[in-house]
Protein backbone atom coordinates (compact mmCIF):
# COMPACT_ATOMS: atom_id res chain seq x y z
CA UNK A 1 22.35 26.34 -17.50
CA UNK A 2 18.48 26.93 -17.99
CA UNK A 3 15.26 25.28 -16.44
CA UNK A 4 12.35 24.61 -18.18
CA UNK A 5 8.79 22.58 -18.72
CA UNK A 6 8.00 20.65 -21.95
CA UNK A 7 4.88 22.08 -23.33
CA UNK A 8 4.86 20.35 -27.16
CA UNK A 9 7.02 17.14 -28.39
CA UNK A 10 7.34 17.18 -32.22
CA UNK A 11 9.32 13.57 -32.35
CA UNK A 12 12.63 15.26 -31.68
CA UNK A 13 11.42 18.69 -31.48
CA UNK A 14 10.58 20.21 -27.91
CA UNK A 15 9.13 23.40 -27.26
CA UNK A 16 10.41 24.48 -23.45
CA UNK A 17 8.76 27.11 -21.57
CA UNK A 18 11.66 28.46 -19.56
CA UNK A 19 11.49 29.88 -15.92
CA UNK A 20 11.09 33.23 -16.66
CA UNK A 21 8.02 32.79 -19.38
CA UNK A 22 10.07 32.71 -22.35
CA UNK A 23 10.23 29.96 -24.87
CA UNK A 24 13.29 28.15 -26.54
CA UNK A 25 13.19 25.33 -28.77
CA UNK A 26 15.14 22.88 -27.74
CA UNK A 27 16.02 19.11 -29.26
CA UNK A 28 17.93 16.15 -28.19
CA UNK A 29 21.33 14.42 -29.01
CA UNK A 30 21.56 11.56 -30.45
CA UNK A 31 21.17 9.02 -28.10
CA UNK A 32 19.51 10.53 -25.53
CA UNK A 33 17.80 7.70 -23.12
CA UNK A 34 16.63 7.14 -19.85
CA UNK A 35 17.86 4.65 -18.00
CA UNK A 36 15.72 1.94 -17.02
CA UNK A 37 12.84 3.13 -19.80
CA UNK A 38 12.47 1.26 -23.16
CA UNK A 39 10.27 4.39 -24.57
CA UNK A 40 9.31 6.05 -28.00
CA UNK A 41 9.78 9.41 -26.61
CA UNK A 42 12.40 9.43 -23.71
CA UNK A 43 11.11 13.11 -23.09
CA UNK A 44 6.93 13.77 -22.87
CA UNK A 45 4.91 16.75 -22.26
CA UNK A 46 5.01 18.15 -18.56
CA UNK A 47 8.85 16.79 -18.06
CA UNK A 48 10.67 19.57 -16.22
CA UNK A 49 14.15 19.40 -18.27
CA UNK A 50 17.92 21.45 -18.24
CA UNK A 51 19.26 22.73 -21.25
CA UNK A 52 21.94 24.74 -22.52
CA UNK A 53 22.90 26.66 -25.80
CA UNK A 54 24.99 25.14 -28.18
CA UNK A 55 26.14 25.35 -32.01
CA UNK A 56 23.50 23.32 -32.78
CA UNK A 57 20.49 25.74 -31.03
CA UNK A 58 19.25 24.81 -28.00
CA UNK A 59 19.55 20.95 -26.45
CA UNK A 60 18.68 19.75 -23.85
CA UNK A 61 20.92 17.87 -20.94
CA UNK A 62 18.98 16.55 -18.24
CA UNK A 63 15.53 15.47 -17.17
CA UNK A 64 14.63 15.98 -13.74
CA UNK A 65 12.88 12.57 -11.85
CA UNK A 66 9.46 12.77 -12.98
CA UNK A 67 6.43 13.29 -10.04
CA UNK A 68 4.39 10.57 -12.10
CA UNK A 69 3.15 9.85 -15.76
CA UNK A 70 0.97 7.86 -17.71
CA UNK A 71 2.15 5.22 -19.92
CA UNK A 72 1.20 2.63 -22.61
CA UNK A 73 2.49 0.46 -24.79
CA UNK A 74 3.63 1.68 -27.89
CA UNK A 75 0.88 1.16 -30.98
CA UNK A 76 3.57 -0.45 -33.61
CA UNK A 77 6.41 -1.36 -31.31
CA UNK A 78 4.87 -3.69 -28.28
CA UNK A 79 8.38 -4.35 -26.99
CA UNK A 80 8.52 -0.32 -26.11
CA UNK A 81 6.27 1.94 -24.67
CA UNK A 82 5.10 5.42 -24.87
CA UNK A 83 4.51 8.67 -22.53
CA UNK A 84 1.44 10.35 -22.57
CA UNK A 85 2.08 12.70 -20.41
CA UNK A 86 4.58 13.65 -17.00
CA UNK A 87 3.44 15.57 -13.61
CA UNK A 88 -0.06 16.10 -14.08
CA UNK A 89 -2.31 16.43 -11.19
CA UNK A 90 -5.14 14.67 -13.29
CA UNK A 91 -6.36 12.88 -15.81
CA UNK A 92 -9.17 12.90 -17.83
CA UNK A 93 -10.58 10.31 -19.55
CA UNK A 94 -12.60 11.96 -22.40
CA UNK A 95 -15.18 9.35 -23.34
CA UNK A 96 -18.36 8.71 -25.27
CA UNK A 97 -21.58 6.70 -25.87
CA UNK A 98 -21.84 7.10 -29.28
CA UNK A 99 -20.80 9.19 -32.07
CA UNK A 100 -18.14 6.68 -31.24
CA UNK A 101 -18.60 4.23 -28.52
CA UNK A 102 -15.96 3.90 -26.20
CA UNK A 103 -15.43 0.46 -25.31
CA UNK A 104 -15.58 -0.55 -21.27
CA UNK A 105 -12.33 -2.45 -21.62
CA UNK A 106 -10.63 0.59 -22.91
CA UNK A 107 -11.61 2.72 -19.85
CA UNK A 108 -11.19 0.61 -17.32
CA UNK A 109 -7.69 0.06 -18.73
CA UNK A 110 -6.96 3.90 -19.02
CA UNK A 111 -7.77 3.41 -15.26
CA UNK A 112 -6.06 0.32 -14.21
CA UNK A 113 -3.53 2.59 -15.11
CA UNK A 114 -4.02 5.82 -13.53
CA UNK A 115 -4.02 3.84 -10.42
CA UNK A 116 -0.76 2.24 -10.63
CA UNK A 117 0.62 5.92 -11.37
CA UNK A 118 -1.53 7.09 -8.62
CA UNK A 119 -2.99 9.64 -10.86
CA UNK A 120 -6.46 11.23 -9.58
CA UNK A 121 -8.94 9.96 -12.47
CA UNK A 122 -12.10 11.41 -13.88
CA UNK A 123 -14.45 10.37 -16.38
CA UNK A 124 -16.16 13.07 -18.77
CA UNK A 125 -18.97 11.87 -20.48
CA UNK A 126 -19.13 14.37 -23.73
CA UNK A 127 -21.63 14.66 -26.78
CA UNK A 128 -24.42 14.41 -24.53
CA UNK A 129 -25.91 16.78 -26.96
CA UNK A 130 -26.14 14.00 -29.64
CA UNK A 131 -27.78 10.89 -27.44
CA UNK A 132 -30.89 10.14 -27.72
CA UNK A 133 -33.01 7.67 -25.42
CA UNK A 134 -31.20 4.18 -25.59
CA UNK A 135 -27.75 6.00 -24.84
CA UNK A 136 -28.66 7.76 -21.93
CA UNK A 137 -29.95 4.68 -20.25
CA UNK A 138 -26.32 3.32 -21.47
CA UNK A 139 -25.04 6.56 -20.12
CA UNK A 140 -27.02 5.90 -17.13
CA UNK A 141 -25.23 2.30 -16.64
CA UNK A 142 -22.05 3.74 -16.76
CA UNK A 143 -22.18 6.26 -14.40
CA UNK A 144 -23.79 4.05 -11.71
CA UNK A 145 -20.67 1.52 -11.96
CA UNK A 146 -18.11 4.23 -11.84
CA UNK A 147 -18.94 6.66 -9.61
CA UNK A 148 -19.52 3.64 -7.12
CA UNK A 149 -16.10 2.49 -7.35
CA UNK A 150 -15.18 6.38 -6.20
CA UNK A 151 -14.37 7.95 -9.58
CA UNK A 152 -15.90 11.41 -10.48
CA UNK A 153 -18.21 11.16 -14.13
CA UNK A 154 -19.38 14.35 -15.67
CA UNK A 155 -21.56 14.67 -18.29
CA UNK A 156 -20.55 17.60 -20.87
CA UNK A 157 -21.20 19.18 -23.98
CA UNK A 158 -19.01 21.60 -26.12
CA UNK A 159 -22.47 22.23 -27.98
CA UNK A 160 -25.00 22.74 -25.04
CA UNK A 161 -22.59 24.22 -22.59
CA UNK A 162 -23.82 21.23 -19.94
CA UNK A 163 -21.27 20.84 -17.32
CA UNK A 164 -18.25 23.20 -18.91
CA UNK A 165 -18.38 25.31 -15.70
CA UNK A 166 -18.52 22.60 -13.46
CA UNK A 167 -15.91 21.42 -15.40
CA UNK A 168 -13.64 24.52 -14.96
CA UNK A 169 -13.97 24.86 -11.66
CA UNK A 170 -12.52 21.05 -11.48
CA UNK A 171 -9.23 22.27 -13.65
CA UNK A 172 -8.59 25.44 -12.38
CA UNK A 173 -5.16 25.47 -10.55
CA UNK A 174 -4.03 22.02 -11.96
CA UNK A 175 -1.85 20.52 -14.49
CA UNK A 176 -4.64 17.88 -16.39
CA UNK A 177 -4.00 15.71 -18.83
CA UNK A 178 -7.09 14.96 -21.44
CA UNK A 179 -7.37 11.66 -23.23
CA UNK A 180 -9.37 9.40 -24.84
CA UNK A 181 -10.21 7.34 -28.28
CA UNK A 182 -10.17 9.26 -31.67
CA UNK A 183 -13.12 11.41 -32.33
CA UNK A 184 -14.25 11.70 -28.99
CA UNK A 185 -13.83 15.68 -29.35
CA UNK A 186 -10.92 16.50 -26.95
CA UNK A 187 -10.12 19.38 -28.81
CA UNK A 188 -12.91 20.69 -29.66
CA UNK A 189 -13.55 20.65 -25.35
CA UNK A 190 -10.01 22.33 -25.29
CA UNK A 191 -11.77 25.02 -27.36
CA UNK A 192 -14.89 25.70 -25.46
CA UNK A 193 -13.06 25.73 -22.14
CA UNK A 194 -10.28 28.18 -23.20
CA UNK A 195 -11.56 30.41 -25.90
CA UNK A 196 -9.08 31.53 -28.33
CA UNK A 197 -7.05 28.78 -29.00
CA UNK A 198 -8.12 27.07 -32.15
CA UNK A 199 -7.63 24.29 -31.74
CA UNK A 200 -7.74 21.53 -34.88
CA UNK A 201 -10.87 19.41 -34.91
CA UNK A 202 -12.42 16.84 -37.56
CA UNK A 203 -15.79 15.69 -37.79
CA UNK A 204 -16.64 11.71 -37.32
CA UNK A 205 -16.15 9.31 -40.38
CA UNK A 206 -19.85 8.44 -40.41
CA UNK A 207 -19.06 5.16 -42.63
CA UNK A 208 -17.21 3.92 -39.31
CA UNK A 209 -17.97 6.26 -36.05
CA UNK A 210 -14.37 6.26 -35.77
CA UNK A 211 -12.88 9.71 -35.38
CA UNK A 212 -9.51 11.58 -37.41
CA UNK A 213 -6.39 11.95 -35.49
CA UNK A 214 -6.42 16.11 -35.27
CA UNK A 215 -3.89 16.09 -32.69
CA UNK A 216 -0.86 14.92 -33.87
CA UNK A 217 1.58 15.49 -30.90
CA UNK A 218 1.04 16.21 -27.45
CA UNK A 219 0.77 19.79 -26.26
CA UNK A 220 0.52 22.04 -23.03
CA UNK A 221 -2.21 25.24 -22.92
CA UNK A 222 -2.51 27.46 -20.40
CA UNK A 223 -6.03 28.09 -19.02
CA UNK A 224 -6.28 31.68 -17.81
CA UNK A 225 -7.91 31.02 -14.69
CA UNK A 226 -4.88 29.16 -13.81
CA UNK A 227 -3.50 26.10 -14.01
CA UNK A 228 -3.03 23.99 -17.44
CA UNK A 229 -4.20 21.21 -19.90
CA UNK A 230 -2.19 18.68 -21.55
CA UNK A 231 -3.36 17.67 -25.19
CA UNK A 232 -3.17 14.35 -26.12
CA UNK A 233 -3.16 12.50 -30.11
CA UNK A 234 -6.43 10.31 -29.65
CA UNK A 235 -6.16 6.70 -29.07
CA UNK A 236 -7.33 3.82 -30.97
CA UNK A 237 -5.73 0.72 -28.36
CA UNK A 238 -4.52 1.03 -24.36
CA UNK A 239 -1.38 -1.67 -24.07
CA UNK A 240 -0.77 -2.07 -21.02
CA UNK A 241 2.69 -1.94 -19.73
CA UNK A 242 4.87 -3.02 -16.89
CA UNK A 243 2.04 -4.64 -14.84
CA UNK A 244 3.08 -8.05 -12.75
CA UNK A 245 0.39 -10.18 -13.06
CA UNK A 246 -0.39 -10.72 -9.15
CA UNK A 247 -0.66 -6.57 -9.06
CA UNK A 248 -3.38 -5.73 -11.60
CA UNK A 249 -6.16 -6.73 -9.30
CA UNK A 250 -4.86 -3.53 -6.88
CA UNK A 251 -5.36 -1.46 -9.80
CA UNK A 252 -9.54 -1.97 -9.75
CA UNK A 253 -10.12 -0.77 -6.45
CA UNK A 254 -13.58 -2.32 -6.05
CA UNK A 255 -11.58 -5.41 -6.78
CA UNK A 256 -9.19 -5.05 -4.36
CA UNK A 257 -10.95 -3.76 -1.67
CA UNK A 258 -12.96 -7.25 -1.68
CA UNK A 259 -10.18 -8.98 -1.92
CA UNK A 260 -9.60 -9.35 1.64
CA UNK A 261 -12.28 -11.53 2.30
CA UNK A 262 -10.97 -13.87 -0.12
CA UNK A 263 -9.53 -17.23 1.61
CA UNK A 264 -6.67 -17.45 0.23
CA UNK A 265 -4.30 -14.24 0.10
CA UNK A 266 -2.65 -15.05 -3.27
CA UNK A 267 -6.04 -15.17 -5.04
CA UNK A 268 -6.42 -14.56 -8.48
CA UNK A 269 -10.00 -14.27 -8.68
CA UNK A 270 -10.65 -16.68 -11.52
CA UNK A 271 -10.57 -20.46 -9.94
CA UNK A 272 -10.08 -20.30 -6.42
CA UNK A 273 -12.35 -21.86 -4.28
CA UNK A 274 -13.67 -19.19 -1.54
CA UNK A 275 -13.22 -16.18 -3.54
CA UNK A 276 -14.82 -13.12 -2.41
CA UNK A 277 -14.15 -11.34 -5.84
CA UNK A 278 -16.25 -13.77 -7.64
CA UNK A 279 -19.60 -14.16 -5.05
CA UNK A 280 -19.58 -10.35 -5.30
CA UNK A 281 -19.37 -10.74 -9.41
CA UNK A 282 -22.32 -13.24 -8.83
CA UNK A 283 -24.01 -11.08 -6.36
CA UNK A 284 -24.08 -7.80 -8.66
CA UNK A 285 -21.95 -6.45 -6.42
CA UNK A 286 -18.71 -5.93 -8.91
CA UNK A 287 -19.74 -5.36 -12.10
CA UNK A 288 -19.46 -7.92 -15.01
CA UNK A 289 -17.89 -5.11 -17.87
CA UNK A 290 -15.17 -4.42 -15.07
CA UNK A 291 -14.09 -8.21 -14.02
CA UNK A 292 -13.83 -8.77 -17.73
CA UNK A 293 -11.97 -6.19 -18.26
CA UNK A 294 -9.64 -7.56 -15.33
CA UNK A 295 -10.00 -10.89 -17.31
CA UNK A 296 -8.60 -9.61 -20.16
CA UNK A 297 -5.71 -8.12 -18.68
CA UNK A 298 -4.84 -11.15 -16.66
CA UNK A 299 -4.80 -13.39 -19.80
CA UNK A 300 -3.04 -9.95 -22.23
CA UNK A 301 -0.17 -12.07 -23.96
CA UNK A 302 1.88 -9.06 -24.78
CA UNK A 303 0.03 -8.48 -28.26
CA UNK A 304 -1.74 -4.76 -28.14
CA UNK A 305 -4.89 -4.64 -27.36
CA UNK A 306 -7.49 -3.62 -29.60
C-alpha cells in the first residue's frame, strides 16, 4: 500500500504525487463513494490517498480524512455537490472589476463558503492595468467594504507586475487554491508567479465580456520558493450547499458580530423588531451589497444561482 496527494483530477483519472516525489496515474473502482457525500467528484485535488498496484494499474483504495475543503453546488446536478479542492491553507478569490465583472453576490457566496469550512480567504482584484477611472472608483469601494469586514484585498496585474512580489510572499510555503469566474486571469496570473508552467490562457469574448474555459480540470503545481497553487476551472455560478438557513448569518462576519445586539436570539435579520443588523444596515455600517447577498442565500429555492 502506498500513499500520496492527488495533484490532478481528470474525470475518473487521478495523478498522485507519491511520498517519495514520484508520480502515479490512478483510477478508482466502479462505485467508489464517500460516506455522507453526494458529489460529482468523490476524490478532489489535495486529497491524501492510499493506493495499490493491481492488474488494472494503480487503484485508489482509501481517502484520508480531509482537514477542510471548498464545496459548491454542482452546475448540472442541483442535488449533488462538487468539491473544488481539499486540504488547503488559504483560498484566493481572483476577482475583476471589469473585463469581465465579478458580481458581489459571487464574491460573497465564495467568502461565505470559506467561512463555513474555516478556510482563510483573500480577494485578489486582477487586471488592474485595464481599469479606467470609473473602474478604479468601484475598486476602491469594494476594497473598503471587504477590508472593513476583515478580509485582505490585493490589487494585482500580470501585465505590470503590480503587487506580484507581495502575492508571492503570501503564497510562500502554503497550499493555496485559486478560484473565480471564467476570464478573470487565474492561469495568466499563475504563469507570472511561477515561470515555466505555461498554463493555457485565452482572451475574453469582447461581445459578451465573458471568459472562456481554459482550465478544464483542477491541478496542483509546486512553487519554486515553497508551497503549492491549485488552479481550478473558471466558474459561472456558485450555488450553496449544506447550509442551514439559521446558520447563514454566521458566515457573514459583520452580520454575525452585530447580531449579538439583536433583541431576539433567533433573529433572521429580515423583519424582526429590535434587529441590530437592520439598524446597522440603515446606518451604513453594513453594506447594501453584502446584505442583499445574505438575503439571496436565505431565499434560495434550491435552484442554482446565476
